[in-house]
Amino acid sequence: MEKKNLDEEMRRQDGVTEETGYLPEKTEDFAETGEEREAGQWMKNDQEEERGAQKKDRDFMFIHGLLCGVVLTLICIALSLGLVRLRLARQLQTQTETLTQGEEEQLELDTGAISSKMLEIQEIINQYFMGEIDEKLVEDDIYSGLLEGLQDSYAAYYSAEALKTLEESTSGEYSGIGALLAQDPETGEITVVTCFTDTPAAEAGLLPGDVILAINEEAADGMDLTELVSRIKTEAGDAVLLKIRRGEEEQELSVERREIQIPTVSSEMLENGIGYLQISEFDEVTVEQFTAALEELEEQGMEKLVIDLRNNPGGLLQSVCDILEELLPEGLIVYTEDKYGQRTEYYCDGENAFDKPLAVLINENSASASEIFAGAVKDYGIGTLVGTTTFGKGIVQQIFALSDGTGMKLTVAKYYTPSGADIHEKGIEPDVEVELPEDIENELVIEKEDDNQLQEAIRILEEASGGK
């Protein structure tokens, strides 16, 4: 009984009976249970409010996450579109560059067909040709013929020996005869431009204007200038037999070869404080020689200067630019432009600008680097050009060393004066035109009092300084 009563009591406290479930058995239990229900309802309301708040938080977080996802998606799309646009731009640029380069002339030989034909020709030669064969000469002429087909008057193939000779000729020291030669790009004739004093050429009687017809009984017709020069410049102590044409007469001269140091610059003081400075060629040694000569004239009290570029065939672009830096004000010296329109510009800092009256002598044999010099002087107005119109070579050649020690030369660019003038095949006109008399123009040495071009330059300088 005690146990039963205890169980019933526990059930009353819990407000539950086996028969009625959640209903109390006694009336007085309603009040107690109602309070509990009210408290439970409050708790339920609190829970619902809490669940509602949690739902709002979840909704807020969902919306926030959704918005972030949308923003990130838009950013990714924008980045992707940017990358696509960048790739398209690069592709377009590459295609444009390729198209630009493709528009220029390109050499595309069928080397397979050429090789097959060469073998066919070789078999016929071996079967039928009865003369002596110099395989090296044949091979060199094949390469020369390839470049000759470009119809570039200045393109040339150099054997290893000829390339070495060419490098020596621009260094200022070589074994040779001491004559400066030039080749007419139209006729191919090779003529003597200058014979340096106290050299084998001058001692043998070679004169400016002589046309070289043959060397060691081999015709010079068809020879490139560099090839002929390389045959002259061999071992010192040997002699070279030159057949020349002077006017209407032909004669042969035996000229000894010996070690030559090219005197590319000579200078002297004339009367009335006029310095005279002659540049025969622009080589590696010319810059140093010019600077020393100019300083010496300054020390002797030079007030005016004549620079003689007559019969100067040119030389190294860098050498003439270095010399012009001793004379020009600050600014552009010259610029070159290649087949793709790419420009290379050469500038002067103007720190050594020449401020004395200046005259520059030019003639029809003043070419290339000499014309760069004359063009810059004319464009900046720092001097007066006197003489005749220059040669008109406004193109630049570059020498390429090949893998087997041979080399080749090609025209690779045009050059323009500071004002943008293209002088190729036009030349530079003098400010004052003066023709040298025919009876003295081919003399080895022209006396200064007989040199009417020089005398006109002197007159102009004296007039510019008020007759002083």
Protein backbone atom coordinates (compact mmCIF):
# COMPACT_ATOMS: atom_id res chain seq x y z
CA MET A 1 0.00 0.00 0.00
CA GLU A 2 2.69 2.32 0.86
CA LYS A 3 4.35 1.73 -2.38
CA LYS A 4 1.14 2.17 -4.34
CA ASN A 5 0.36 5.43 -2.61
CA LEU A 6 3.84 6.61 -3.35
CA ASP A 7 3.45 5.79 -7.03
CA GLU A 8 0.09 7.58 -7.15
CA GLU A 9 1.59 10.57 -5.45
CA MET A 10 4.36 10.70 -7.98
CA ARG A 11 1.82 10.52 -10.76
CA ARG A 12 -0.14 13.41 -9.21
CA GLN A 13 2.94 15.51 -9.02
CA ASP A 14 3.55 14.82 -12.63
CA GLY A 15 -0.10 15.67 -13.45
CA VAL A 16 -0.52 12.43 -15.40
CA THR A 17 -2.65 9.28 -14.77
CA GLU A 18 -2.75 6.08 -16.65
CA GLU A 19 -6.42 6.64 -17.55
CA THR A 20 -6.58 10.33 -18.44
CA GLY A 21 -3.04 10.90 -19.71
CA TYR A 22 -2.36 14.72 -19.51
CA LEU A 23 -5.60 15.54 -17.51
CA PRO A 24 -5.40 15.83 -13.65
CA GLU A 25 -7.75 13.75 -11.49
CA LYS A 26 -8.69 16.52 -8.99
CA THR A 27 -10.19 19.98 -9.44
CA GLU A 28 -7.66 21.70 -7.28
CA ASP A 29 -4.98 20.51 -9.62
CA PHE A 30 -6.39 22.68 -12.50
CA ALA A 31 -5.05 25.91 -11.07
CA GLU A 32 -1.63 24.48 -10.58
CA THR A 33 -1.55 22.90 -13.98
CA GLY A 34 -2.88 26.11 -15.66
CA GLU A 35 0.00 28.08 -14.26
CA GLU A 36 2.35 25.49 -15.58
CA ARG A 37 0.65 25.67 -18.99
CA GLU A 38 0.86 29.45 -18.95
CA ALA A 39 4.52 29.21 -18.07
CA GLY A 40 4.97 26.61 -20.80
CA GLN A 41 3.19 28.90 -23.28
CA TRP A 42 5.56 31.72 -22.35
CA MET A 43 8.45 29.38 -22.79
CA LYS A 44 7.00 28.28 -26.13
CA ASN A 45 6.58 31.89 -27.19
CA ASP A 46 10.14 32.63 -26.17
CA GLN A 47 11.30 29.63 -28.12
CA GLU A 48 9.28 30.71 -31.15
CA GLU A 49 10.66 34.21 -30.87
CA GLU A 50 14.12 32.75 -30.60
CA ARG A 51 13.46 30.51 -33.57
CA GLY A 52 12.10 33.53 -35.44
CA ALA A 53 15.18 35.54 -34.63
CA GLN A 54 17.35 32.64 -35.70
CA LYS A 55 15.33 32.37 -38.92
CA LYS A 56 15.85 36.09 -39.58
CA ASP A 57 19.55 35.66 -38.93
CA ARG A 58 19.60 32.70 -41.28
CA ASP A 59 17.66 34.66 -43.90
CA PHE A 60 20.02 37.61 -43.49
CA MET A 61 23.05 35.36 -43.78
CA PHE A 62 21.56 33.69 -46.85
CA ILE A 63 20.84 37.00 -48.54
CA HIS A 64 24.28 38.30 -47.55
CA GLY A 65 25.93 35.16 -48.92
CA LEU A 66 23.83 35.33 -52.05
CA LEU A 67 24.83 38.93 -52.66
CA CYS A 68 28.49 38.14 -52.03
CA GLY A 69 28.29 35.24 -54.44
CA VAL A 70 26.71 37.45 -57.08
CA VAL A 71 29.39 40.11 -56.61
CA LEU A 72 32.19 37.53 -56.77
CA THR A 73 30.64 36.00 -59.87
CA LEU A 74 30.49 39.40 -61.54
CA ILE A 75 34.11 40.05 -60.61
CA CYS A 76 35.16 36.68 -62.06
CA ILE A 77 33.22 37.37 -65.24
CA ALA A 78 34.84 40.81 -65.54
CA LEU A 79 38.31 39.34 -65.01
CA SER A 80 37.63 36.61 -67.56
CA LEU A 81 36.41 39.15 -70.09
CA GLY A 82 39.49 41.28 -69.38
CA LEU A 83 41.81 38.32 -69.96
CA VAL A 84 40.01 37.41 -73.16
CA ARG A 85 40.24 41.01 -74.33
CA LEU A 86 43.95 41.14 -73.45
CA ARG A 87 44.62 37.90 -75.33
CA LEU A 88 42.70 39.15 -78.34
CA ALA A 89 44.63 42.42 -78.24
CA ARG A 90 47.95 40.58 -78.08
CA GLN A 91 46.90 38.25 -80.86
CA LEU A 92 45.83 41.22 -82.98
CA GLN A 93 49.12 42.97 -82.26
CA THR A 94 51.09 39.86 -83.23
CA GLN A 95 49.05 39.47 -86.40
CA THR A 96 49.60 43.17 -87.20
CA GLU A 97 53.35 42.92 -86.64
CA THR A 98 53.49 39.77 -88.73
CA LEU A 99 51.48 41.46 -91.46
CA THR A 100 53.74 44.52 -91.34
CA GLN A 101 56.85 42.41 -91.65
CA GLY A 102 55.23 40.20 -94.24
CA GLU A 103 54.55 43.22 -96.43
CA GLU A 104 58.30 43.75 -96.84
CA GLU A 105 60.27 41.84 -99.45
CA GLN A 106 61.42 38.44 -98.21
CA LEU A 107 63.82 36.03 -99.92
CA GLU A 108 62.35 32.51 -99.98
CA LEU A 109 64.49 30.32 -102.22
CA ASP A 110 63.60 26.73 -103.00
CA THR A 111 66.84 25.38 -101.57
CA GLY A 112 65.91 21.81 -102.39
CA ALA A 113 65.45 22.56 -106.08
CA ILE A 114 68.61 24.72 -106.10
CA SER A 115 70.66 21.96 -104.51
CA SER A 116 69.34 19.43 -107.04
CA LYS A 117 70.20 21.72 -109.93
CA MET A 118 73.66 22.39 -108.53
CA LEU A 119 74.34 18.67 -108.43
CA GLU A 120 73.15 18.35 -112.02
CA ILE A 121 75.47 21.17 -113.13
CA GLN A 122 78.34 19.67 -111.16
CA GLU A 123 77.91 16.30 -112.91
CA ILE A 124 77.98 17.95 -116.34
CA ILE A 125 81.12 19.93 -115.39
CA ASN A 126 82.87 16.81 -114.15
CA GLN A 127 81.97 14.91 -117.29
CA TYR A 128 82.79 17.49 -119.94
CA PHE A 129 84.84 20.45 -118.61
CA MET A 130 88.50 20.15 -119.62
CA GLY A 131 90.03 23.10 -117.78
CA GLU A 132 91.49 23.37 -114.29
CA ILE A 133 89.01 23.63 -111.44
CA ASP A 134 89.48 25.81 -108.37
CA GLU A 135 86.75 24.54 -106.08
CA LYS A 136 87.16 27.36 -103.57
CA LEU A 137 86.82 29.99 -106.30
CA VAL A 138 83.72 28.27 -107.67
CA GLU A 139 82.15 28.14 -104.21
CA ASP A 140 82.95 31.80 -103.48
CA ASP A 141 81.46 32.86 -106.81
CA ILE A 142 78.25 30.97 -106.02
CA TYR A 143 77.80 33.03 -102.87
CA SER A 144 78.79 36.22 -104.68
CA GLY A 145 76.22 35.46 -107.35
CA LEU A 146 73.51 35.03 -104.72
CA LEU A 147 74.13 38.54 -103.40
CA GLU A 148 74.58 39.97 -106.88
CA GLY A 149 71.04 38.83 -107.65
CA LEU A 150 69.75 41.34 -105.09
CA GLN A 151 70.84 44.13 -107.46
CA ASP A 152 72.32 45.96 -104.50
CA SER A 153 75.39 47.77 -105.82
CA TYR A 154 76.97 47.65 -102.37
CA ALA A 155 76.17 44.04 -101.43
CA ALA A 156 79.19 41.74 -101.43
CA TYR A 157 80.41 38.35 -100.26
CA TYR A 158 83.80 38.20 -98.54
CA SER A 159 86.11 35.25 -98.30
CA ALA A 160 87.86 34.86 -94.97
CA GLU A 161 90.92 36.62 -96.40
CA ALA A 162 88.90 39.49 -97.86
CA LEU A 163 87.00 39.97 -94.60
CA LYS A 164 90.28 40.23 -92.69
CA THR A 165 91.56 42.79 -95.20
CA LEU A 166 88.39 44.84 -94.82
CA GLU A 167 88.75 44.89 -91.04
CA GLU A 168 92.35 46.04 -91.41
CA SER A 169 91.40 48.83 -93.80
CA THR A 170 89.11 50.48 -91.25
CA SER A 171 91.64 50.17 -88.43
CA GLY A 172 93.98 52.67 -90.11
CA GLU A 173 96.96 50.35 -90.54
CA TYR A 174 97.49 47.74 -93.26
CA SER A 175 99.90 46.35 -95.83
CA GLY A 176 99.20 47.99 -99.18
CA ILE A 177 100.16 50.76 -101.60
CA GLY A 178 98.66 53.89 -99.99
CA ALA A 179 95.93 54.74 -102.50
CA LEU A 180 92.27 55.44 -101.87
CA LEU A 181 89.98 53.80 -104.44
CA ALA A 182 86.28 54.13 -105.26
CA GLN A 183 83.84 52.18 -107.44
CA ASP A 184 81.12 53.66 -109.60
CA PRO A 185 77.90 51.79 -108.67
CA GLU A 186 76.53 52.24 -112.21
CA THR A 187 79.52 51.28 -114.40
CA GLY A 188 81.50 49.21 -111.89
CA GLU A 189 84.69 51.08 -112.78
CA ILE A 190 87.25 51.37 -109.98
CA THR A 191 89.16 54.62 -109.93
CA VAL A 192 91.91 56.19 -107.85
CA VAL A 193 90.52 58.94 -105.62
CA THR A 194 93.65 59.89 -103.68
CA CYS A 195 97.27 58.81 -103.42
CA PHE A 196 98.73 59.60 -100.03
CA THR A 197 102.09 61.33 -100.01
CA ASP A 198 105.23 59.29 -99.30
CA THR A 199 103.48 56.02 -100.16
CA PRO A 200 104.24 53.38 -102.84
CA ALA A 201 101.26 54.55 -104.94
CA ALA A 202 102.55 58.12 -105.13
CA GLU A 203 106.12 56.97 -105.74
CA ALA A 204 104.99 54.70 -108.64
CA GLY A 205 103.20 57.61 -110.33
CA LEU A 206 99.58 56.63 -109.70
CA LEU A 207 97.28 59.68 -109.95
CA PRO A 208 93.72 60.58 -108.90
CA GLY A 209 91.32 59.72 -111.72
CA ASP A 210 93.26 56.70 -112.97
CA VAL A 211 90.94 53.79 -113.80
CA ILE A 212 92.10 50.32 -112.69
CA LEU A 213 91.72 47.92 -115.64
CA ALA A 214 93.59 44.88 -114.34
CA ILE A 215 95.62 43.60 -111.40
CA ASN A 216 98.42 41.11 -111.98
CA GLU A 217 97.14 40.61 -115.55
CA GLU A 218 93.64 39.68 -114.31
CA ALA A 219 90.86 41.94 -115.58
CA ALA A 220 89.23 44.12 -112.91
CA ASP A 221 85.98 44.23 -114.87
CA GLY A 222 83.26 42.64 -112.71
CA MET A 223 85.37 42.71 -109.54
CA ASP A 224 83.90 44.14 -106.35
CA LEU A 225 85.95 46.99 -104.90
CA THR A 226 86.69 45.02 -101.74
CA GLU A 227 87.87 42.02 -103.76
CA LEU A 228 90.31 44.15 -105.75
CA VAL A 229 91.56 45.93 -102.65
CA SER A 230 92.09 42.60 -100.87
CA ARG A 231 94.29 41.44 -103.75
CA ILE A 232 96.37 44.59 -103.44
CA LYS A 233 96.68 44.36 -99.66
CA THR A 234 98.61 41.14 -99.18
CA GLU A 235 102.09 40.59 -97.81
CA ALA A 236 104.41 43.56 -97.47
CA GLY A 237 107.47 43.45 -99.73
CA ASP A 238 105.63 42.02 -102.74
CA ALA A 239 104.79 44.10 -105.80
CA VAL A 240 101.46 44.39 -107.58
CA LEU A 241 101.15 45.04 -111.30
CA LEU A 242 98.33 47.47 -112.08
CA LYS A 243 97.05 48.20 -115.57
CA ILE A 244 95.42 51.63 -115.61
CA ARG A 245 93.69 53.98 -118.03
CA ARG A 246 94.56 57.66 -117.81
CA GLY A 247 92.47 59.67 -120.20
CA GLU A 248 92.72 57.79 -123.51
CA GLU A 249 96.01 56.06 -122.72
CA GLU A 250 96.61 52.73 -121.01
CA GLN A 251 99.78 51.84 -119.07
CA GLU A 252 101.10 49.40 -116.51
CA LEU A 253 102.60 50.35 -113.16
CA SER A 254 104.47 48.10 -110.75
CA VAL A 255 103.68 49.19 -107.20
CA GLU A 256 105.43 47.86 -104.12
CA ARG A 257 103.39 46.82 -101.12
CA ARG A 258 104.53 47.85 -97.67
CA GLU A 259 103.19 48.66 -94.22
CA ILE A 260 100.95 51.72 -94.44
CA GLN A 261 99.53 53.90 -91.70
CA ILE A 262 96.70 55.88 -93.23
CA PRO A 263 97.11 59.61 -92.56
CA THR A 264 93.37 60.28 -92.49
CA VAL A 265 93.78 63.78 -91.03
CA SER A 266 96.28 66.48 -91.97
CA SER A 267 96.32 70.10 -90.84
CA GLU A 268 98.22 73.37 -91.03
CA MET A 269 97.83 77.03 -90.17
CA LEU A 270 97.25 79.39 -93.08
CA GLU A 271 97.48 83.17 -93.04
CA ASN A 272 95.20 85.43 -91.01
CA GLY A 273 94.49 82.86 -88.30
CA ILE A 274 92.80 80.38 -90.65
CA GLY A 275 93.22 76.75 -89.78
CA TYR A 276 93.10 74.13 -92.54
CA LEU A 277 92.11 70.55 -91.65
CA GLN A 278 91.71 67.79 -94.24
CA ILE A 279 89.94 64.48 -93.56
CA SER A 280 90.58 61.83 -96.22
CA GLU A 281 88.45 59.07 -94.68
CA PHE A 282 86.49 58.28 -91.51
CA ASP A 283 88.26 55.30 -89.94
CA GLU A 284 88.80 54.12 -86.38
CA VAL A 285 91.96 56.25 -86.06
CA THR A 286 90.34 59.39 -87.52
CA VAL A 287 88.60 60.58 -84.36
CA GLU A 288 91.81 60.69 -82.34
CA GLN A 289 93.72 62.29 -85.22
CA PHE A 290 91.03 64.95 -85.71
CA THR A 291 90.91 65.85 -82.02
CA ALA A 292 94.69 66.18 -81.84
CA ALA A 293 94.83 68.30 -85.01
CA LEU A 294 92.05 70.62 -83.85
CA GLU A 295 93.72 71.13 -80.47
CA GLU A 296 97.02 71.91 -82.18
CA LEU A 297 95.38 74.51 -84.41
CA GLU A 298 93.69 76.06 -81.37
CA GLU A 299 97.06 76.32 -79.62
CA GLN A 300 98.45 78.12 -82.68
CA GLY A 301 95.79 80.83 -82.39
CA MET A 302 93.23 79.61 -84.91
CA GLU A 303 90.37 82.07 -85.39
CA LYS A 304 88.65 80.49 -88.42
CA LEU A 305 88.60 76.95 -89.80
CA VAL A 306 88.39 75.21 -93.19
CA ILE A 307 87.56 71.49 -93.12
CA ASP A 308 88.31 69.73 -96.43
CA LEU A 309 86.12 66.70 -97.23
CA ARG A 310 86.80 66.62 -100.95
CA ASN A 311 87.41 63.09 -102.32
CA ASN A 312 86.48 61.62 -98.94
CA PRO A 313 84.47 58.44 -99.76
CA GLY A 314 83.11 58.08 -96.22
CA GLY A 315 83.85 55.38 -93.71
CA LEU A 316 82.52 54.52 -90.28
CA LEU A 317 79.24 56.07 -89.13
CA GLN A 318 80.33 56.13 -85.49
CA SER A 319 83.58 57.92 -86.36
CA VAL A 320 81.87 60.80 -88.17
CA CYS A 321 79.34 61.13 -85.33
CA ASP A 322 82.15 61.28 -82.76
CA ILE A 323 83.88 64.04 -84.74
CA LEU A 324 80.67 66.03 -85.15
CA GLU A 325 80.28 65.97 -81.36
CA GLU A 326 83.34 68.23 -81.33
CA LEU A 327 81.54 70.80 -83.48
CA LEU A 328 77.74 70.73 -83.30
CA PRO A 329 75.37 72.30 -80.77
CA GLU A 330 73.10 70.03 -78.76
CA GLY A 331 70.70 68.04 -80.91
CA LEU A 332 70.28 65.32 -83.50
CA ILE A 333 73.31 64.47 -85.68
CA VAL A 334 71.75 61.95 -88.04
CA TYR A 335 69.20 59.16 -87.96
CA THR A 336 68.83 55.89 -89.85
CA GLU A 337 65.66 54.00 -90.77
CA ASP A 338 65.53 50.29 -91.65
CA LYS A 339 63.09 48.29 -93.82
CA TYR A 340 60.57 48.10 -90.96
CA GLY A 341 60.61 51.83 -90.32
CA GLN A 342 62.59 51.50 -87.08
CA ARG A 343 64.72 54.56 -86.39
CA THR A 344 68.15 54.78 -84.77
CA GLU A 345 69.09 58.30 -83.73
CA TYR A 346 72.52 59.76 -82.98
CA TYR A 347 72.71 62.84 -80.75
CA CYS A 348 75.25 65.46 -79.74
CA ASP A 349 75.37 66.88 -76.20
CA GLY A 350 76.59 70.26 -77.45
CA GLU A 351 79.31 70.60 -74.82
CA ASN A 352 81.99 71.32 -77.45
CA ALA A 353 79.97 73.41 -79.90
CA PHE A 354 82.31 75.16 -82.39
CA ASP A 355 81.80 78.93 -82.24
CA LYS A 356 84.30 80.17 -84.85
CA PRO A 357 83.66 80.89 -88.57
CA LEU A 358 83.68 77.56 -90.43
CA ALA A 359 83.79 76.53 -94.10
CA VAL A 360 83.58 72.94 -95.40
CA LEU A 361 84.92 71.93 -98.82
CA ILE A 362 82.96 69.24 -100.70
CA ASN A 363 82.89 67.77 -104.21
CA GLU A 364 81.33 64.95 -106.25
CA ASN A 365 83.56 62.38 -104.52
CA SER A 366 82.46 63.37 -101.01
CA ALA A 367 80.21 60.47 -100.07
CA SER A 368 78.44 58.65 -97.27
CA ALA A 369 79.95 59.70 -93.92
CA SER A 370 81.25 62.89 -95.57
CA GLU A 371 77.68 63.73 -96.53
CA ILE A 372 76.52 63.08 -92.96
CA PHE A 373 79.11 65.63 -91.88
CA ALA A 374 78.16 68.18 -94.55
CA GLY A 375 74.42 67.66 -94.00
CA ALA A 376 74.67 68.31 -90.26
CA VAL A 377 76.79 71.46 -90.77
CA LYS A 378 74.28 72.76 -93.31
CA ASP A 379 71.16 71.95 -91.25
CA TYR A 380 72.52 73.64 -88.11
CA GLY A 381 73.91 76.58 -90.10
CA ILE A 382 77.26 76.51 -88.30
CA GLY A 383 79.32 76.71 -91.48
CA THR A 384 79.34 77.35 -95.24
CA LEU A 385 79.58 74.50 -97.76
CA VAL A 386 81.86 75.37 -100.70
CA GLY A 387 82.53 73.33 -103.85
CA THR A 388 80.25 71.04 -105.87
CA THR A 389 77.29 68.74 -105.12
CA THR A 390 78.27 65.62 -103.19
CA PHE A 391 78.06 62.03 -104.42
CA GLY A 392 74.61 61.18 -103.03
CA LYS A 393 75.08 57.98 -101.01
CA GLY A 394 72.43 58.08 -98.31
CA ILE A 395 72.30 54.39 -97.47
CA VAL A 396 73.98 52.33 -94.77
CA GLN A 397 75.68 48.97 -95.20
CA GLN A 398 76.31 46.42 -92.49
CA ILE A 399 78.90 43.65 -92.53
CA PHE A 400 77.79 40.26 -91.20
CA ALA A 401 80.33 37.66 -90.11
CA LEU A 402 79.30 34.14 -91.11
CA SER A 403 79.89 30.99 -89.09
CA ASP A 404 82.79 29.74 -91.23
CA GLY A 405 84.86 32.93 -90.97
CA THR A 406 83.60 34.46 -94.22
CA GLY A 407 81.31 37.47 -94.36
CA MET A 408 78.80 39.48 -96.35
CA LYS A 409 77.74 43.08 -96.72
CA LEU A 410 74.19 44.30 -97.27
CA THR A 411 72.41 47.61 -97.47
CA VAL A 412 70.28 47.67 -94.31
CA ALA A 413 69.05 51.25 -93.83
CA LYS A 414 68.79 54.77 -95.20
CA TYR A 415 70.09 57.76 -93.32
CA TYR A 416 68.62 61.23 -93.02
CA THR A 417 70.11 64.58 -92.07
CA PRO A 418 68.88 66.31 -88.88
CA SER A 419 66.18 68.12 -90.86
CA GLY A 420 64.96 64.80 -92.31
CA ALA A 421 66.46 65.29 -95.78
CA ASP A 422 66.95 62.13 -97.89
CA ILE A 423 70.10 62.77 -99.94
CA HIS A 424 70.42 59.35 -101.63
CA GLU A 425 71.11 59.70 -105.34
CA LYS A 426 70.64 63.47 -104.89
CA GLY A 427 73.65 64.61 -102.92
CA ILE A 428 74.06 67.79 -100.90
CA GLU A 429 74.33 71.05 -102.77
CA PRO A 430 76.97 73.55 -101.61
CA ASP A 431 76.01 76.97 -100.33
CA VAL A 432 78.59 78.42 -102.73
CA GLU A 433 79.27 76.44 -105.90
CA VAL A 434 82.80 76.49 -107.25
CA GLU A 435 84.18 74.13 -109.92
CA LEU A 436 87.82 73.06 -109.76
CA PRO A 437 89.62 73.69 -113.09
CA GLU A 438 89.91 70.51 -115.19
CA ASP A 439 93.63 70.93 -115.73
CA ILE A 440 94.39 70.49 -112.04
CA GLU A 441 91.55 68.33 -110.70
CA ASN A 442 93.48 65.06 -111.23
CA GLU A 443 96.81 66.27 -109.95
CA LEU A 444 98.28 64.37 -107.03
CA VAL A 445 99.01 67.58 -105.12
CA ILE A 446 97.23 70.87 -105.83
CA GLU A 447 99.02 73.96 -104.63
CA LYS A 448 96.84 75.99 -102.30
CA GLU A 449 97.21 79.19 -104.26
CA ASP A 450 95.88 77.34 -107.36
CA ASP A 451 93.01 75.75 -105.47
CA ASN A 452 90.12 78.09 -106.31
CA GLN A 453 87.68 76.19 -104.07
CA LEU A 454 89.94 76.65 -101.06
CA GLN A 455 90.56 80.29 -101.96
CA GLU A 456 86.81 80.91 -102.11
CA ALA A 457 86.38 79.33 -98.66
CA ILE A 458 89.14 81.59 -97.30
CA ARG A 459 87.45 84.65 -98.81
CA ILE A 460 84.11 83.72 -97.19
CA LEU A 461 85.72 83.25 -93.77
CA GLU A 462 87.58 86.56 -93.95
CA GLU A 463 84.41 88.32 -95.01
CA ALA A 464 82.52 86.74 -92.11
CA SER A 465 85.10 88.07 -89.64
CA GLY A 466 85.16 91.57 -91.13
CA GLY A 467 88.28 91.09 -93.23
CA LYS A 468 90.46 90.20 -90.25
